[in-house]
Amino acid sequence: MILADFNQPSVGTIWIVIIALCSVASNIATVILAVAAFRKGHTEVTFSPNYVTKPEFTAHVASDQKDSGNQWGEINQLKKDISQIPDRLFALLANAGIIDRKNHGTRN
């Protein structure tokens, strides 16, 4: 018969108690943080009566269209520059392992 010493808890028992206490502490912390976030979550949205006239709105739309046109111009220029790169350079970069061949091996 194996005699167990019940006066001293085993190391495994100590770890189980520590893990259980940490679990309870983390649940309490989660509830506290959830309550704090819920209280902070109440935000008010207010609208100010800033009205815009038709000419101001038209100027804003024209400005946005100009910006969009400039961005598309830059994109098209980049496409044109990339199309001028020789296929040999793509092959060299793929052989060196710098780029992936399946992405740059052929052009559309």
PDB file of N, CA and C in Angstrom:
ATOM      1  N   MET A   1       0.826  -1.165   0.000  1.00  0.00           N
ATOM      2  CA  MET A   1       0.000   0.000   0.000  1.00  0.00           C
ATOM      3  C   MET A   1       0.882   1.243   0.000  1.00  0.00           C
ATOM      4  N   ILE A   2       0.517   2.181  -0.850  1.00  0.00           N
ATOM      5  CA  ILE A   2       1.296   3.409  -0.943  1.00  0.00           C
ATOM      6  C   ILE A   2       0.721   4.402   0.047  1.00  0.00           C
ATOM      7  N   LEU A   3       1.577   4.921   0.852  1.00  0.00           N
ATOM      8  CA  LEU A   3       1.140   5.906   1.849  1.00  0.00           C
ATOM      9  C   LEU A   3       1.337   7.302   1.286  1.00  0.00           C
ATOM     10  N   ALA A   4       0.308   8.079   1.295  1.00  0.00           N
ATOM     11  CA  ALA A   4       0.379   9.445   0.794  1.00  0.00           C
ATOM     12  C   ALA A   4       0.469  10.403   1.972  1.00  0.00           C
ATOM     13  N   ASP A   5       1.260  11.442   1.769  1.00  0.00           N
ATOM     14  CA  ASP A   5       1.405  12.453   2.808  1.00  0.00           C
ATOM     15  C   ASP A   5       0.426  13.586   2.509  1.00  0.00           C
ATOM     16  N   PHE A   6      -0.657  13.642   3.266  1.00  0.00           N
ATOM     17  CA  PHE A   6      -1.677  14.646   3.014  1.00  0.00           C
ATOM     18  C   PHE A   6      -1.392  15.963   3.726  1.00  0.00           C
ATOM     19  N   ASN A   7      -0.293  16.039   4.452  1.00  0.00           N
ATOM     20  CA  ASN A   7       0.040  17.280   5.147  1.00  0.00           C
ATOM     21  C   ASN A   7       0.596  18.317   4.176  1.00  0.00           C
ATOM     22  N   GLN A   8       1.315  17.879   3.160  1.00  0.00           N
ATOM     23  CA  GLN A   8       1.920  18.777   2.170  1.00  0.00           C
ATOM     24  C   GLN A   8       1.200  18.599   0.822  1.00  0.00           C
ATOM     25  N   PRO A   9       0.679  19.680   0.238  1.00  0.00           N
ATOM     26  CA  PRO A   9       0.048  19.532  -1.085  1.00  0.00           C
ATOM     27  C   PRO A   9       1.124  19.284  -2.148  1.00  0.00           C
ATOM     28  N   SER A  10       0.756  18.568  -3.186  1.00  0.00           N
ATOM     29  CA  SER A  10       1.715  18.282  -4.257  1.00  0.00           C
ATOM     30  C   SER A  10       1.899  19.515  -5.135  1.00  0.00           C
ATOM     31  N   VAL A  11       2.943  19.457  -5.927  1.00  0.00           N
ATOM     32  CA  VAL A  11       3.237  20.578  -6.829  1.00  0.00           C
ATOM     33  C   VAL A  11       2.105  20.748  -7.843  1.00  0.00           C
ATOM     34  N   GLY A  12       1.566  19.638  -8.324  1.00  0.00           N
ATOM     35  CA  GLY A  12       0.454  19.711  -9.278  1.00  0.00           C
ATOM     36  C   GLY A  12      -0.757  20.385  -8.683  1.00  0.00           C
ATOM     37  N   THR A  13      -1.046  20.113  -7.439  1.00  0.00           N
ATOM     38  CA  THR A  13      -2.181  20.737  -6.763  1.00  0.00           C
ATOM     39  C   THR A  13      -1.975  22.240  -6.618  1.00  0.00           C
ATOM     40  N   ILE A  14      -0.753  22.633  -6.321  1.00  0.00           N
ATOM     41  CA  ILE A  14      -0.449  24.066  -6.189  1.00  0.00           C
ATOM     42  C   ILE A  14      -0.658  24.773  -7.521  1.00  0.00           C
ATOM     43  N   TRP A  15      -0.204  24.155  -8.616  1.00  0.00           N
ATOM     44  CA  TRP A  15      -0.374  24.770  -9.932  1.00  0.00           C
ATOM     45  C   TRP A  15      -1.851  24.868 -10.306  1.00  0.00           C
ATOM     46  N   ILE A  16      -2.619  23.853  -9.973  1.00  0.00           N
ATOM     47  CA  ILE A  16      -4.055  23.894 -10.277  1.00  0.00           C
ATOM     48  C   ILE A  16      -4.729  25.034  -9.522  1.00  0.00           C
ATOM     49  N   VAL A  17      -4.366  25.231  -8.274  1.00  0.00           N
ATOM     50  CA  VAL A  17      -4.935  26.328  -7.483  1.00  0.00           C
ATOM     51  C   VAL A  17      -4.523  27.671  -8.064  1.00  0.00           C
ATOM     52  N   ILE A  18      -3.252  27.799  -8.460  1.00  0.00           N
ATOM     53  CA  ILE A  18      -2.777  29.063  -9.050  1.00  0.00           C
ATOM     54  C   ILE A  18      -3.516  29.358 -10.349  1.00  0.00           C
ATOM     55  N   ILE A  19      -3.684  28.346 -11.193  1.00  0.00           N
ATOM     56  CA  ILE A  19      -4.382  28.539 -12.468  1.00  0.00           C
ATOM     57  C   ILE A  19      -5.848  28.911 -12.221  1.00  0.00           C
ATOM     58  N   ALA A  20      -6.473  28.268 -11.254  1.00  0.00           N
ATOM     59  CA  ALA A  20      -7.878  28.582 -10.939  1.00  0.00           C
ATOM     60  C   ALA A  20      -8.008  30.019 -10.445  1.00  0.00           C
ATOM     61  N   LEU A  21      -7.096  30.457  -9.588  1.00  0.00           N
ATOM     62  CA  LEU A  21      -7.141  31.840  -9.097  1.00  0.00           C
ATOM     63  C   LEU A  21      -6.917  32.840 -10.228  1.00  0.00           C
ATOM     64  N   CYS A  22      -5.979  32.537 -11.127  1.00  0.00           N
ATOM     65  CA  CYS A  22      -5.739  33.434 -12.281  1.00  0.00           C
ATOM     66  C   CYS A  22      -6.963  33.489 -13.183  1.00  0.00           C
ATOM     67  N   SER A  23      -7.634  32.358 -13.350  1.00  0.00           N
ATOM     68  CA  SER A  23      -8.840  32.325 -14.172  1.00  0.00           C
ATOM     69  C   SER A  23      -9.934  33.197 -13.563  1.00  0.00           C
ATOM     70  N   VAL A  24     -10.129  33.091 -12.278  1.00  0.00           N
ATOM     71  CA  VAL A  24     -11.133  33.908 -11.604  1.00  0.00           C
ATOM     72  C   VAL A  24     -10.767  35.392 -11.697  1.00  0.00           C
ATOM     73  N   ALA A  25      -9.487  35.709 -11.501  1.00  0.00           N
ATOM     74  CA  ALA A  25      -9.038  37.105 -11.589  1.00  0.00           C
ATOM     75  C   ALA A  25      -9.240  37.660 -12.992  1.00  0.00           C
ATOM     76  N   SER A  26      -8.962  36.850 -14.020  1.00  0.00           N
ATOM     77  CA  SER A  26      -9.138  37.342 -15.388  1.00  0.00           C
ATOM     78  C   SER A  26     -10.611  37.557 -15.709  1.00  0.00           C
ATOM     79  N   ASN A  27     -11.481  36.708 -15.191  1.00  0.00           N
ATOM     80  CA  ASN A  27     -12.921  36.916 -15.406  1.00  0.00           C
ATOM     81  C   ASN A  27     -13.405  38.184 -14.723  1.00  0.00           C
ATOM     82  N   ILE A  28     -12.927  38.442 -13.530  1.00  0.00           N
ATOM     83  CA  ILE A  28     -13.297  39.677 -12.823  1.00  0.00           C
ATOM     84  C   ILE A  28     -12.777  40.895 -13.585  1.00  0.00           C
ATOM     85  N   ALA A  29     -11.543  40.826 -14.085  1.00  0.00           N
ATOM     86  CA  ALA A  29     -10.982  41.943 -14.851  1.00  0.00           C
ATOM     87  C   ALA A  29     -11.766  42.168 -16.140  1.00  0.00           C
ATOM     88  N   THR A  30     -12.216  41.094 -16.781  1.00  0.00           N
ATOM     89  CA  THR A  30     -13.000  41.225 -18.008  1.00  0.00           C
ATOM     90  C   THR A  30     -14.313  41.942 -17.730  1.00  0.00           C
ATOM     91  N   VAL A  31     -14.971  41.587 -16.635  1.00  0.00           N
ATOM     92  CA  VAL A  31     -16.230  42.248 -16.292  1.00  0.00           C
ATOM     93  C   VAL A  31     -15.996  43.721 -15.985  1.00  0.00           C
ATOM     94  N   ILE A  32     -14.946  44.030 -15.243  1.00  0.00           N
ATOM     95  CA  ILE A  32     -14.650  45.429 -14.906  1.00  0.00           C
ATOM     96  C   ILE A  32     -14.356  46.235 -16.172  1.00  0.00           C
ATOM     97  N   LEU A  33     -13.550  45.676 -17.076  1.00  0.00           N
ATOM     98  CA  LEU A  33     -13.236  46.389 -18.320  1.00  0.00           C
ATOM     99  C   LEU A  33     -14.457  46.531 -19.217  1.00  0.00           C
ATOM    100  N   ALA A  34     -15.320  45.522 -19.237  1.00  0.00           N
ATOM    101  CA  ALA A  34     -16.532  45.611 -20.053  1.00  0.00           C
ATOM    102  C   ALA A  34     -17.451  46.710 -19.531  1.00  0.00           C
ATOM    103  N   VAL A  35     -17.587  46.807 -18.216  1.00  0.00           N
ATOM    104  CA  VAL A  35     -18.421  47.859 -17.632  1.00  0.00           C
ATOM    105  C   VAL A  35     -17.823  49.233 -17.923  1.00  0.00           C
ATOM    106  N   ALA A  36     -16.498  49.361 -17.809  1.00  0.00           N
ATOM    107  CA  ALA A  36     -15.854  50.647 -18.093  1.00  0.00           C
ATOM    108  C   ALA A  36     -16.029  51.028 -19.561  1.00  0.00           C
ATOM    109  N   ALA A  37     -15.890  50.052 -20.464  1.00  0.00           N
ATOM    110  CA  ALA A  37     -16.066  50.342 -21.897  1.00  0.00           C
ATOM    111  C   ALA A  37     -17.507  50.700 -22.206  1.00  0.00           C
ATOM    112  N   PHE A  38     -18.449  50.043 -21.541  1.00  0.00           N
ATOM    113  CA  PHE A  38     -19.855  50.350 -21.772  1.00  0.00           C
ATOM    114  C   PHE A  38     -20.190  51.767 -21.314  1.00  0.00           C
ATOM    115  N   ARG A  39     -19.627  52.176 -20.208  1.00  0.00           N
ATOM    116  CA  ARG A  39     -19.886  53.535 -19.727  1.00  0.00           C
ATOM    117  C   ARG A  39     -19.258  54.577 -20.640  1.00  0.00           C
ATOM    118  N   LYS A  40     -18.051  54.275 -21.157  1.00  0.00           N
ATOM    119  CA  LYS A  40     -17.397  55.224 -22.053  1.00  0.00           C
ATOM    120  C   LYS A  40     -18.021  55.213 -23.440  1.00  0.00           C
ATOM    121  N   GLY A  41     -18.719  54.151 -23.772  1.00  0.00           N
ATOM    122  CA  GLY A  41     -19.262  53.989 -25.112  1.00  0.00           C
ATOM    123  C   GLY A  41     -20.387  54.931 -25.464  1.00  0.00           C
ATOM    124  N   HIS A  42     -20.942  55.618 -24.504  1.00  0.00           N
ATOM    125  CA  HIS A  42     -22.033  56.542 -24.778  1.00  0.00           C
ATOM    126  C   HIS A  42     -21.458  57.843 -25.331  1.00  0.00           C
ATOM    127  N   THR A  43     -21.546  58.001 -26.621  1.00  0.00           N
ATOM    128  CA  THR A  43     -21.080  59.234 -27.244  1.00  0.00           C
ATOM    129  C   THR A  43     -22.275  59.947 -27.853  1.00  0.00           C
ATOM    130  N   GLU A  44     -22.177  61.222 -27.875  1.00  0.00           N
ATOM    131  CA  GLU A  44     -23.244  62.022 -28.448  1.00  0.00           C
ATOM    132  C   GLU A  44     -22.788  62.591 -29.776  1.00  0.00           C
ATOM    133  N   VAL A  45     -23.672  62.534 -30.713  1.00  0.00           N
ATOM    134  CA  VAL A  45     -23.387  63.080 -32.034  1.00  0.00           C
ATOM    135  C   VAL A  45     -24.261  64.309 -32.213  1.00  0.00           C
ATOM    136  N   THR A  46     -23.609  65.407 -32.526  1.00  0.00           N
ATOM    137  CA  THR A  46     -24.362  66.634 -32.763  1.00  0.00           C
ATOM    138  C   THR A  46     -24.055  67.120 -34.172  1.00  0.00           C
ATOM    139  N   PHE A  47     -25.021  67.739 -34.754  1.00  0.00           N
ATOM    140  CA  PHE A  47     -24.870  68.276 -36.099  1.00  0.00           C
ATOM    141  C   PHE A  47     -24.982  69.791 -36.028  1.00  0.00           C
ATOM    142  N   SER A  48     -24.026  70.426 -36.667  1.00  0.00           N
ATOM    143  CA  SER A  48     -24.091  71.882 -36.687  1.00  0.00           C
ATOM    144  C   SER A  48     -24.728  72.320 -38.002  1.00  0.00           C
ATOM    145  N   PRO A  49     -25.463  73.385 -37.980  1.00  0.00           N
ATOM    146  CA  PRO A  49     -26.143  73.829 -39.200  1.00  0.00           C
ATOM    147  C   PRO A  49     -25.213  74.626 -40.116  1.00  0.00           C
ATOM    148  N   ASN A  50     -24.181  73.945 -40.640  1.00  0.00           N
ATOM    149  CA  ASN A  50     -23.288  74.594 -41.599  1.00  0.00           C
ATOM    150  C   ASN A  50     -23.800  74.278 -42.996  1.00  0.00           C
ATOM    151  N   TYR A  51     -24.448  75.221 -43.571  1.00  0.00           N
ATOM    152  CA  TYR A  51     -25.025  75.018 -44.886  1.00  0.00           C
ATOM    153  C   TYR A  51     -24.043  75.469 -45.951  1.00  0.00           C
ATOM    154  N   VAL A  52     -24.122  74.805 -47.094  1.00  0.00           N
ATOM    155  CA  VAL A  52     -23.225  75.113 -48.203  1.00  0.00           C
ATOM    156  C   VAL A  52     -24.074  75.584 -49.374  1.00  0.00           C
ATOM    157  N   THR A  53     -23.588  76.613 -50.018  1.00  0.00           N
ATOM    158  CA  THR A  53     -24.317  77.117 -51.177  1.00  0.00           C
ATOM    159  C   THR A  53     -24.021  76.248 -52.387  1.00  0.00           C
ATOM    160  N   LYS A  54     -24.843  76.352 -53.395  1.00  0.00           N
ATOM    161  CA  LYS A  54     -24.679  75.568 -54.621  1.00  0.00           C
ATOM    162  C   LYS A  54     -23.321  75.823 -55.277  1.00  0.00           C
ATOM    163  N   PRO A  55     -22.855  77.076 -55.413  1.00  0.00           N
ATOM    164  CA  PRO A  55     -21.537  77.288 -56.020  1.00  0.00           C
ATOM    165  C   PRO A  55     -20.399  76.663 -55.202  1.00  0.00           C
ATOM    166  N   GLU A  56     -20.508  76.706 -53.859  1.00  0.00           N
ATOM    167  CA  GLU A  56     -19.463  76.086 -53.028  1.00  0.00           C
ATOM    168  C   GLU A  56     -19.448  74.575 -53.225  1.00  0.00           C
ATOM    169  N   PHE A  57     -20.637  73.970 -53.288  1.00  0.00           N
ATOM    170  CA  PHE A  57     -20.720  72.538 -53.504  1.00  0.00           C
ATOM    171  C   PHE A  57     -20.169  72.161 -54.878  1.00  0.00           C
ATOM    172  N   THR A  58     -20.500  72.938 -55.907  1.00  0.00           N
ATOM    173  CA  THR A  58     -20.004  72.677 -57.253  1.00  0.00           C
ATOM    174  C   THR A  58     -18.489  72.795 -57.301  1.00  0.00           C
ATOM    175  N   ALA A  59     -17.927  73.768 -56.606  1.00  0.00           N
ATOM    176  CA  ALA A  59     -16.471  73.925 -56.557  1.00  0.00           C
ATOM    177  C   ALA A  59     -15.825  72.737 -55.846  1.00  0.00           C
ATOM    178  N   HIS A  60     -16.475  72.256 -54.793  1.00  0.00           N
ATOM    179  CA  HIS A  60     -15.954  71.101 -54.061  1.00  0.00           C
ATOM    180  C   HIS A  60     -15.949  69.855 -54.945  1.00  0.00           C
ATOM    181  N   VAL A  61     -17.031  69.630 -55.684  1.00  0.00           N
ATOM    182  CA  VAL A  61     -17.114  68.476 -56.585  1.00  0.00           C
ATOM    183  C   VAL A  61     -16.061  68.589 -57.682  1.00  0.00           C
ATOM    184  N   ALA A  62     -15.875  69.776 -58.234  1.00  0.00           N
ATOM    185  CA  ALA A  62     -14.876  69.966 -59.284  1.00  0.00           C
ATOM    186  C   ALA A  62     -13.474  69.709 -58.753  1.00  0.00           C
ATOM    187  N   SER A  63     -13.200  70.122 -57.539  1.00  0.00           N
ATOM    188  CA  SER A  63     -11.902  69.886 -56.919  1.00  0.00           C
ATOM    189  C   SER A  63     -11.650  68.389 -56.725  1.00  0.00           C
ATOM    190  N   ASP A  64     -12.673  67.684 -56.263  1.00  0.00           N
ATOM    191  CA  ASP A  64     -12.538  66.236 -56.079  1.00  0.00           C
ATOM    192  C   ASP A  64     -12.320  65.522 -57.407  1.00  0.00           C
ATOM    193  N   GLN A  65     -13.019  65.949 -58.444  1.00  0.00           N
ATOM    194  CA  GLN A  65     -12.844  65.325 -59.759  1.00  0.00           C
ATOM    195  C   GLN A  65     -11.440  65.583 -60.296  1.00  0.00           C
ATOM    196  N   LYS A  66     -10.902  66.768 -60.045  1.00  0.00           N
ATOM    197  CA  LYS A  66      -9.543  67.081 -60.494  1.00  0.00           C
ATOM    198  C   LYS A  66      -8.534  66.201 -59.761  1.00  0.00           C
ATOM    199  N   ASP A  67      -8.707  66.043 -58.435  1.00  0.00           N
ATOM    200  CA  ASP A  67      -7.815  65.176 -57.664  1.00  0.00           C
ATOM    201  C   ASP A  67      -7.887  63.735 -58.157  1.00  0.00           C
ATOM    202  N   SER A  68      -9.090  63.274 -58.431  1.00  0.00           N
ATOM    203  CA  SER A  68      -9.273  61.916 -58.930  1.00  0.00           C
ATOM    204  C   SER A  68      -8.604  61.748 -60.287  1.00  0.00           C
ATOM    205  N   GLY A  69      -8.748  62.741 -61.143  1.00  0.00           N
ATOM    206  CA  GLY A  69      -8.098  62.689 -62.455  1.00  0.00           C
ATOM    207  C   GLY A  69      -6.584  62.644 -62.335  1.00  0.00           C
ATOM    208  N   ASN A  70      -6.031  63.423 -61.390  1.00  0.00           N
ATOM    209  CA  ASN A  70      -4.581  63.401 -61.169  1.00  0.00           C
ATOM    210  C   ASN A  70      -4.116  62.030 -60.688  1.00  0.00           C
ATOM    211  N   GLN A  71      -4.882  61.416 -59.796  1.00  0.00           N
ATOM    212  CA  GLN A  71      -4.505  60.096 -59.297  1.00  0.00           C
ATOM    213  C   GLN A  71      -4.556  59.047 -60.402  1.00  0.00           C
ATOM    214  N   TRP A  72      -5.593  59.095 -61.242  1.00  0.00           N
ATOM    215  CA  TRP A  72      -5.665  58.148 -62.352  1.00  0.00           C
ATOM    216  C   TRP A  72      -4.534  58.388 -63.344  1.00  0.00           C
ATOM    217  N   GLY A  73      -4.146  59.631 -63.531  1.00  0.00           N
ATOM    218  CA  GLY A  73      -3.011  59.923 -64.410  1.00  0.00           C
ATOM    219  C   GLY A  73      -1.720  59.307 -63.892  1.00  0.00           C
ATOM    220  N   GLU A  74      -1.514  59.396 -62.566  1.00  0.00           N
ATOM    221  CA  GLU A  74      -0.327  58.790 -61.969  1.00  0.00           C
ATOM    222  C   GLU A  74      -0.360  57.271 -62.092  1.00  0.00           C
ATOM    223  N   ILE A  75      -1.529  56.667 -61.886  1.00  0.00           N
ATOM    224  CA  ILE A  75      -1.651  55.214 -62.021  1.00  0.00           C
ATOM    225  C   ILE A  75      -1.352  54.782 -63.444  1.00  0.00           C
ATOM    226  N   ASN A  76      -1.905  55.493 -64.423  1.00  0.00           N
ATOM    227  CA  ASN A  76      -1.658  55.140 -65.824  1.00  0.00           C
ATOM    228  C   ASN A  76      -0.191  55.320 -66.190  1.00  0.00           C
ATOM    229  N   GLN A  77       0.461  56.333 -65.636  1.00  0.00           N
ATOM    230  CA  GLN A  77       1.888  56.532 -65.895  1.00  0.00           C
ATOM    231  C   GLN A  77       2.704  55.373 -65.335  1.00  0.00           C
ATOM    232  N   LEU A  78       2.344  54.908 -64.133  1.00  0.00           N
ATOM    233  CA  LEU A  78       3.047  53.758 -63.551  1.00  0.00           C
ATOM    234  C   LEU A  78       2.852  52.507 -64.396  1.00  0.00           C
ATOM    235  N   LYS A  79       1.636  52.297 -64.897  1.00  0.00           N
ATOM    236  CA  LYS A  79       1.389  51.143 -65.767  1.00  0.00           C
ATOM    237  C   LYS A  79       2.248  51.227 -67.024  1.00  0.00           C
ATOM    238  N   LYS A  80       2.364  52.429 -67.559  1.00  0.00           N
ATOM    239  CA  LYS A  80       3.165  52.618 -68.777  1.00  0.00           C
ATOM    240  C   LYS A  80       4.640  52.356 -68.491  1.00  0.00           C
ATOM    241  N   ASP A  81       5.120  52.843 -67.330  1.00  0.00           N
ATOM    242  CA  ASP A  81       6.518  52.627 -66.972  1.00  0.00           C
ATOM    243  C   ASP A  81       6.822  51.145 -66.764  1.00  0.00           C
ATOM    244  N   ILE A  82       5.889  50.425 -66.124  1.00  0.00           N
ATOM    245  CA  ILE A  82       6.103  49.002 -65.886  1.00  0.00           C
ATOM    246  C   ILE A  82       6.098  48.238 -67.203  1.00  0.00           C
ATOM    247  N   SER A  83       5.262  48.652 -68.141  1.00  0.00           N
ATOM    248  CA  SER A  83       5.201  47.930 -69.417  1.00  0.00           C
ATOM    249  C   SER A  83       6.475  48.107 -70.228  1.00  0.00           C
ATOM    250  N   GLN A  84       7.290  49.092 -69.896  1.00  0.00           N
ATOM    251  CA  GLN A  84       8.534  49.309 -70.622  1.00  0.00           C
ATOM    252  C   GLN A  84       9.712  48.511 -70.047  1.00  0.00           C
ATOM    253  N   ILE A  85       9.508  47.840 -68.927  1.00  0.00           N
ATOM    254  CA  ILE A  85      10.577  47.025 -68.342  1.00  0.00           C
ATOM    255  C   ILE A  85      10.727  45.761 -69.190  1.00  0.00           C
ATOM    256  N   PRO A  86      11.936  45.455 -69.611  1.00  0.00           N
ATOM    257  CA  PRO A  86      12.114  44.280 -70.471  1.00  0.00           C
ATOM    258  C   PRO A  86      11.836  42.971 -69.715  1.00  0.00           C
ATOM    259  N   ASP A  87      11.366  41.983 -70.468  1.00  0.00           N
ATOM    260  CA  ASP A  87      11.083  40.676 -69.883  1.00  0.00           C
ATOM    261  C   ASP A  87      12.341  40.032 -69.319  1.00  0.00           C
ATOM    262  N   ARG A  88      13.499  40.364 -69.895  1.00  0.00           N
ATOM    263  CA  ARG A  88      14.758  39.790 -69.397  1.00  0.00           C
ATOM    264  C   ARG A  88      15.005  40.218 -67.956  1.00  0.00           C
ATOM    265  N   LEU A  89      14.614  41.445 -67.604  1.00  0.00           N
ATOM    266  CA  LEU A  89      14.807  41.916 -66.232  1.00  0.00           C
ATOM    267  C   LEU A  89      13.920  41.141 -65.265  1.00  0.00           C
ATOM    268  N   PHE A  90      12.669  40.869 -65.674  1.00  0.00           N
ATOM    269  CA  PHE A  90      11.797  40.053 -64.832  1.00  0.00           C
ATOM    270  C   PHE A  90      12.372  38.657 -64.650  1.00  0.00           C
ATOM    271  N   ALA A  91      12.910  38.072 -65.733  1.00  0.00           N
ATOM    272  CA  ALA A  91      13.509  36.737 -65.640  1.00  0.00           C
ATOM    273  C   ALA A  91      14.723  36.752 -64.725  1.00  0.00           C
ATOM    274  N   LEU A  92      15.545  37.795 -64.810  1.00  0.00           N
ATOM    275  CA  LEU A  92      16.722  37.906 -63.972  1.00  0.00           C
ATOM    276  C   LEU A  92      16.327  38.031 -62.492  1.00  0.00           C
ATOM    277  N   LEU A  93      15.326  38.858 -62.199  1.00  0.00           N
ATOM    278  CA  LEU A  93      14.867  39.022 -60.821  1.00  0.00           C
ATOM    279  C   LEU A  93      14.234  37.740 -60.280  1.00  0.00           C
ATOM    280  N   ALA A  94      13.530  37.011 -61.154  1.00  0.00           N
ATOM    281  CA  ALA A  94      12.924  35.748 -60.721  1.00  0.00           C
ATOM    282  C   ALA A  94      14.001  34.709 -60.449  1.00  0.00           C
ATOM    283  N   ASN A  95      15.028  34.639 -61.299  1.00  0.00           N
ATOM    284  CA  ASN A  95      16.110  33.672 -61.095  1.00  0.00           C
ATOM    285  C   ASN A  95      16.918  33.996 -59.847  1.00  0.00           C
ATOM    286  N   ALA A  96      17.010  35.275 -59.496  1.00  0.00           N
ATOM    287  CA  ALA A  96      17.743  35.670 -58.297  1.00  0.00           C
ATOM    288  C   ALA A  96      16.901  35.466 -57.037  1.00  0.00           C
ATOM    289  N   GLY A  97      15.604  35.145 -57.208  1.00  0.00           N
ATOM    290  CA  GLY A  97      14.740  34.916 -56.064  1.00  0.00           C
ATOM    291  C   GLY A  97      14.185  36.189 -55.463  1.00  0.00           C
ATOM    292  N   ILE A  98      14.317  37.294 -56.154  1.00  0.00           N
ATOM    293  CA  ILE A  98      13.825  38.574 -55.638  1.00  0.00           C
ATOM    294  C   ILE A  98      12.320  38.695 -55.829  1.00  0.00           C
ATOM    295  N   ILE A  99      11.826  38.205 -56.952  1.00  0.00           N
ATOM    296  CA  ILE A  99      10.393  38.222 -57.214  1.00  0.00           C
ATOM    297  C   ILE A  99       9.924  36.802 -57.478  1.00  0.00           C
ATOM    298  N   ASP A 100       8.631  36.597 -57.384  1.00  0.00           N
ATOM    299  CA  ASP A 100       8.047  35.289 -57.631  1.00  0.00           C
ATOM    300  C   ASP A 100       7.744  35.172 -59.115  1.00  0.00           C
ATOM    301  N   ARG A 101       8.224  34.115 -59.737  1.00  0.00           N
ATOM    302  CA  ARG A 101       8.078  33.947 -61.183  1.00  0.00           C
ATOM    303  C   ARG A 101       6.621  33.875 -61.604  1.00  0.00           C
ATOM    304  N   LYS A 102       5.742  33.245 -60.806  1.00  0.00           N
ATOM    305  CA  LYS A 102       4.356  33.095 -61.235  1.00  0.00           C
ATOM    306  C   LYS A 102       3.626  34.431 -61.298  1.00  0.00           C
ATOM    307  N   ASN A 103       4.103  35.427 -60.548  1.00  0.00           N
ATOM    308  CA  ASN A 103       3.445  36.740 -60.600  1.00  0.00           C
ATOM    309  C   ASN A 103       3.997  37.625 -61.709  1.00  0.00           C
ATOM    310  N   HIS A 104       5.250  37.414 -62.093  1.00  0.00           N
ATOM    311  CA  HIS A 104       5.869  38.321 -63.058  1.00  0.00           C
ATOM    312  C   HIS A 104       6.447  37.598 -64.261  1.00  0.00           C
ATOM    313  N   GLY A 105       6.150  36.319 -64.406  1.00  0.00           N
ATOM    314  CA  GLY A 105       6.729  35.564 -65.503  1.00  0.00           C
ATOM    315  C   GLY A 105       6.158  35.952 -66.849  1.00  0.00           C
ATOM    316  N   THR A 106       4.867  36.241 -66.911  1.00  0.00           N
ATOM    317  CA  THR A 106       4.234  36.650 -68.162  1.00  0.00           C
ATOM    318  C   THR A 106       3.490  37.940 -67.922  1.00  0.00           C
ATOM    319  N   ARG A 107       3.325  38.651 -68.995  1.00  0.00           N
ATOM    320  CA  ARG A 107       2.582  39.911 -68.924  1.00  0.00           C
ATOM    321  C   ARG A 107       1.238  39.764 -69.566  1.00  0.00           C
ATOM    322  N   ASN A 108       0.311  40.546 -69.068  1.00  0.00           N
ATOM    323  CA  ASN A 108      -1.035  40.547 -69.661  1.00  0.00           C
ATOM    324  C   ASN A 108      -1.140  41.643 -70.679  1.00  0.00           C
TER     325      ASN A 108
END
